[in-house]
């Protein structure tokens, strides 16, 4: 049996993955392979670097740190000045890079990780997903996490990359392709929420985006081959204000989501 972790995208809501990880480690479930996208690439890299329960406390500390708050934390005047200058993005990627260096070291590589890791990003030039699993780690994780309009595209070997969630928000199929036979999916809760036909302009974009995010995962769930088991860990449910959650500054809300995901996932694992 090869245990695979799939860490999906979802921005700030990705904090729930920390609670899921605690539940997994407490249940004695240690990954043999990890795939991640966007926020899942960040959390997945931390786990691949240190696949023990100790990483959970480090992730809690990281997401409660000033560095995390600074990722999306610039004031509107600063963001608007940066947008006017760059014409492409609101925020500086330096705080995210600093957070990754603090978690992973100065110049980590995929080859030095304790558990094999692959992360995906969307290539602008090729209009396609690319999987990174060798060479420098931090540029690949930055590429996977470069939310369009929020952070600049990450340039690797002359190619421009943006957030991996655009092309593969929950990369279940990739984990199976890489040999996982028992897969745990760490999603951020959106797939648990029902979609209904929009009745106002603001909902049209939201619902359309959610369809785009979810359809591939739904197809890959239906195509899971015989002999592979898939466990989608619960997030603990939606919380008031989720639709407005854009920053790690609300640390009480972040911790509440981590705790809820832990409790729900621990119950699920105890019953499975």
Foldseek 3Di string as FASTA:
>chain_A
DAEEEWQFDDALLSLQVLLLLLLCQVVVHFHQEYEYFAVRLLLVQLCQQPVHNVSSVVVLDLLLDPLQQQLQPDDPVQQVVVCVVVVKARHECVSVLVSSCVRRNDWDWLVPTNHFYKYWWAWPVVRAIDIDGTGTRSLRNCLQNAATRHHAFRADPNITTHHRLQHARGPPVVRVVVPAQEYEYEYSAPVVDDDDDDDDPVVVVVRVVSCSRCVVVVVVVVVDDPRHHYHYQHQLHDDPCPVVDNGSNPVVVSVVSNNSSNVRRNVVVVVD
